[in-house]
Amino acid sequence: MMKEVDARGLSCPLPVLRTKETIEKEEGDILVKVDSASSRDNVERLAKSKNRAVEVQEKDEEYHILIKKGG
């Protein structure tokens, strides 16, 4: 089952901190939901720094970031 991090409504750096905590605990794929472009960019940068593949989808003024295991 995919782990989900709902970081909508949170100001930076909270989305990044919650995502980092989840990446360190979870081996599988993670779906992160954010509602700002800066959070999207920061979470994506974090995931790539952890050698994870990233896919971003924009849905109704929010972003769904799929962080996949492996790079």
N, C-alpha and C. Protein backbone atom coordinates (compact mmCIF):
# COMPACT_ATOMS: atom_id res chain seq x y z
N MET A 1 0.83 -1.19 0.00
CA MET A 1 0.00 0.00 0.00
C MET A 1 0.88 1.25 0.00
N MET A 2 0.49 2.22 -0.84
CA MET A 2 1.27 3.43 -0.96
C MET A 2 1.03 4.35 0.24
N LYS A 3 2.10 4.89 0.77
CA LYS A 3 2.02 5.84 1.88
C LYS A 3 1.65 7.21 1.30
N GLU A 4 0.78 7.94 2.00
CA GLU A 4 0.36 9.26 1.53
C GLU A 4 0.70 10.31 2.58
N VAL A 5 1.23 11.44 2.11
CA VAL A 5 1.54 12.58 2.97
C VAL A 5 0.67 13.74 2.49
N ASP A 6 -0.27 14.16 3.32
CA ASP A 6 -1.13 15.29 2.96
C ASP A 6 -0.55 16.54 3.60
N ALA A 7 0.15 17.35 2.79
CA ALA A 7 0.79 18.56 3.30
C ALA A 7 0.09 19.81 2.79
N ARG A 8 -1.15 19.66 2.34
CA ARG A 8 -1.91 20.82 1.87
C ARG A 8 -2.17 21.75 3.05
N GLY A 9 -2.02 23.04 2.79
CA GLY A 9 -2.29 24.02 3.82
C GLY A 9 -1.11 24.27 4.76
N LEU A 10 -0.04 23.54 4.58
CA LEU A 10 1.14 23.72 5.45
C LEU A 10 2.14 24.65 4.78
N SER A 11 2.77 25.48 5.59
CA SER A 11 3.80 26.39 5.08
C SER A 11 5.15 25.70 5.10
N CYS A 12 6.02 26.10 4.17
CA CYS A 12 7.39 25.58 4.17
C CYS A 12 8.05 26.00 5.48
N PRO A 13 8.84 25.14 6.08
CA PRO A 13 9.38 23.90 5.50
C PRO A 13 8.60 22.64 5.88
N LEU A 14 7.41 22.76 6.45
CA LEU A 14 6.69 21.56 6.93
C LEU A 14 6.44 20.49 5.86
N PRO A 15 6.01 20.84 4.64
CA PRO A 15 5.84 19.77 3.64
C PRO A 15 7.12 18.98 3.38
N VAL A 16 8.24 19.70 3.33
CA VAL A 16 9.53 19.03 3.09
C VAL A 16 9.91 18.16 4.29
N LEU A 17 9.73 18.67 5.49
CA LEU A 17 10.08 17.90 6.68
C LEU A 17 9.23 16.63 6.79
N ARG A 18 7.94 16.74 6.54
CA ARG A 18 7.07 15.55 6.61
C ARG A 18 7.43 14.55 5.52
N THR A 19 7.74 15.05 4.34
CA THR A 19 8.13 14.16 3.25
C THR A 19 9.45 13.46 3.57
N LYS A 20 10.42 14.21 4.09
CA LYS A 20 11.73 13.64 4.44
C LYS A 20 11.56 12.54 5.48
N GLU A 21 10.75 12.79 6.49
CA GLU A 21 10.49 11.81 7.54
C GLU A 21 9.88 10.53 6.95
N THR A 22 8.96 10.69 6.02
CA THR A 22 8.30 9.54 5.40
C THR A 22 9.27 8.77 4.50
N ILE A 23 10.08 9.48 3.72
CA ILE A 23 11.06 8.82 2.85
C ILE A 23 12.01 7.96 3.69
N GLU A 24 12.42 8.49 4.83
CA GLU A 24 13.36 7.75 5.68
C GLU A 24 12.74 6.51 6.31
N LYS A 25 11.41 6.49 6.46
CA LYS A 25 10.72 5.34 7.08
C LYS A 25 10.17 4.34 6.07
N GLU A 26 9.81 4.82 4.88
CA GLU A 26 9.11 3.99 3.90
C GLU A 26 10.04 3.52 2.79
N GLU A 27 9.92 2.26 2.45
CA GLU A 27 10.71 1.70 1.35
C GLU A 27 10.01 1.88 0.00
N GLY A 28 8.69 1.93 0.02
CA GLY A 28 7.92 1.95 -1.23
C GLY A 28 7.64 3.35 -1.74
N ASP A 29 6.65 3.42 -2.64
CA ASP A 29 6.25 4.68 -3.24
C ASP A 29 5.48 5.54 -2.24
N ILE A 30 5.56 6.85 -2.44
CA ILE A 30 4.92 7.81 -1.55
C ILE A 30 4.18 8.84 -2.41
N LEU A 31 2.96 9.17 -2.03
CA LEU A 31 2.21 10.23 -2.69
C LEU A 31 2.13 11.42 -1.74
N VAL A 32 2.64 12.56 -2.20
CA VAL A 32 2.63 13.78 -1.39
C VAL A 32 1.68 14.77 -2.05
N LYS A 33 0.76 15.33 -1.26
CA LYS A 33 -0.17 16.33 -1.76
C LYS A 33 0.18 17.68 -1.15
N VAL A 34 0.40 18.67 -2.03
CA VAL A 34 0.70 20.04 -1.59
C VAL A 34 -0.16 21.00 -2.40
N ASP A 35 -0.24 22.25 -1.91
CA ASP A 35 -1.08 23.21 -2.61
C ASP A 35 -0.36 24.51 -2.97
N SER A 36 0.97 24.43 -3.07
CA SER A 36 1.71 25.60 -3.54
C SER A 36 2.87 25.15 -4.43
N ALA A 37 3.20 26.01 -5.38
CA ALA A 37 4.29 25.68 -6.30
C ALA A 37 5.63 25.59 -5.58
N SER A 38 5.83 26.44 -4.57
CA SER A 38 7.11 26.38 -3.85
C SER A 38 7.24 25.08 -3.08
N SER A 39 6.16 24.62 -2.45
CA SER A 39 6.20 23.32 -1.76
C SER A 39 6.45 22.20 -2.76
N ARG A 40 5.79 22.27 -3.92
CA ARG A 40 5.99 21.26 -4.97
C ARG A 40 7.46 21.20 -5.35
N ASP A 41 8.07 22.37 -5.62
CA ASP A 41 9.46 22.40 -6.05
C ASP A 41 10.39 21.87 -4.96
N ASN A 42 10.15 22.26 -3.73
CA ASN A 42 11.01 21.83 -2.62
C ASN A 42 10.90 20.34 -2.35
N VAL A 43 9.68 19.79 -2.40
CA VAL A 43 9.49 18.35 -2.19
C VAL A 43 10.13 17.57 -3.33
N GLU A 44 9.97 18.07 -4.55
CA GLU A 44 10.57 17.39 -5.70
C GLU A 44 12.10 17.39 -5.58
N ARG A 45 12.67 18.51 -5.19
CA ARG A 45 14.13 18.62 -5.01
C ARG A 45 14.62 17.64 -3.93
N LEU A 46 13.88 17.57 -2.83
CA LEU A 46 14.24 16.64 -1.75
C LEU A 46 14.24 15.20 -2.26
N ALA A 47 13.16 14.82 -2.95
CA ALA A 47 13.05 13.44 -3.43
C ALA A 47 14.20 13.08 -4.37
N LYS A 48 14.52 13.99 -5.26
CA LYS A 48 15.62 13.73 -6.20
C LYS A 48 16.95 13.64 -5.47
N SER A 49 17.13 14.40 -4.40
CA SER A 49 18.37 14.34 -3.63
C SER A 49 18.50 13.00 -2.90
N LYS A 50 17.36 12.33 -2.70
CA LYS A 50 17.35 11.00 -2.06
C LYS A 50 17.34 9.88 -3.10
N ASN A 51 17.68 10.23 -4.34
CA ASN A 51 17.73 9.27 -5.46
C ASN A 51 16.39 8.59 -5.71
N ARG A 52 15.33 9.36 -5.63
CA ARG A 52 13.99 8.86 -5.93
C ARG A 52 13.50 9.47 -7.24
N ALA A 53 12.77 8.68 -8.01
CA ALA A 53 12.13 9.20 -9.22
C ALA A 53 10.87 9.95 -8.79
N VAL A 54 10.54 11.02 -9.55
CA VAL A 54 9.42 11.88 -9.17
C VAL A 54 8.51 12.13 -10.36
N GLU A 55 7.20 12.03 -10.14
CA GLU A 55 6.20 12.43 -11.12
C GLU A 55 5.27 13.42 -10.44
N VAL A 56 4.98 14.54 -11.13
CA VAL A 56 4.12 15.57 -10.55
C VAL A 56 2.89 15.74 -11.44
N GLN A 57 1.73 15.75 -10.80
CA GLN A 57 0.47 16.03 -11.49
C GLN A 57 -0.21 17.20 -10.81
N GLU A 58 -0.73 18.12 -11.63
CA GLU A 58 -1.48 19.24 -11.08
C GLU A 58 -2.96 18.89 -11.15
N LYS A 59 -3.65 19.01 -10.01
CA LYS A 59 -5.07 18.67 -9.93
C LYS A 59 -5.80 19.74 -9.14
N ASP A 60 -6.63 20.51 -9.82
CA ASP A 60 -7.48 21.49 -9.15
C ASP A 60 -6.73 22.36 -8.15
N GLU A 61 -5.72 23.07 -8.61
CA GLU A 61 -4.95 24.00 -7.79
C GLU A 61 -4.14 23.34 -6.68
N GLU A 62 -3.90 22.05 -6.81
CA GLU A 62 -2.98 21.38 -5.90
C GLU A 62 -2.11 20.44 -6.71
N TYR A 63 -1.04 19.97 -6.07
CA TYR A 63 -0.08 19.13 -6.76
C TYR A 63 0.01 17.78 -6.06
N HIS A 64 -0.01 16.73 -6.87
CA HIS A 64 0.18 15.38 -6.35
C HIS A 64 1.55 14.92 -6.85
N ILE A 65 2.42 14.66 -5.90
CA ILE A 65 3.80 14.30 -6.21
C ILE A 65 4.00 12.83 -5.87
N LEU A 66 4.23 12.03 -6.90
CA LEU A 66 4.48 10.61 -6.70
C LEU A 66 5.98 10.41 -6.63
N ILE A 67 6.43 9.95 -5.47
CA ILE A 67 7.85 9.69 -5.24
C ILE A 67 8.04 8.18 -5.29
N LYS A 68 8.79 7.74 -6.31
CA LYS A 68 8.94 6.31 -6.52
C LYS A 68 10.26 5.82 -5.93
N LYS A 69 10.21 4.58 -5.49
CA LYS A 69 11.41 3.95 -4.97
C LYS A 69 12.43 3.83 -6.10
N GLY A 70 13.67 4.12 -5.78
CA GLY A 70 14.72 4.04 -6.80
C GLY A 70 14.74 5.25 -7.68
N GLY A 71 15.85 5.49 -8.36
CA GLY A 71 15.99 6.67 -9.18
C GLY A 71 15.80 6.40 -10.61
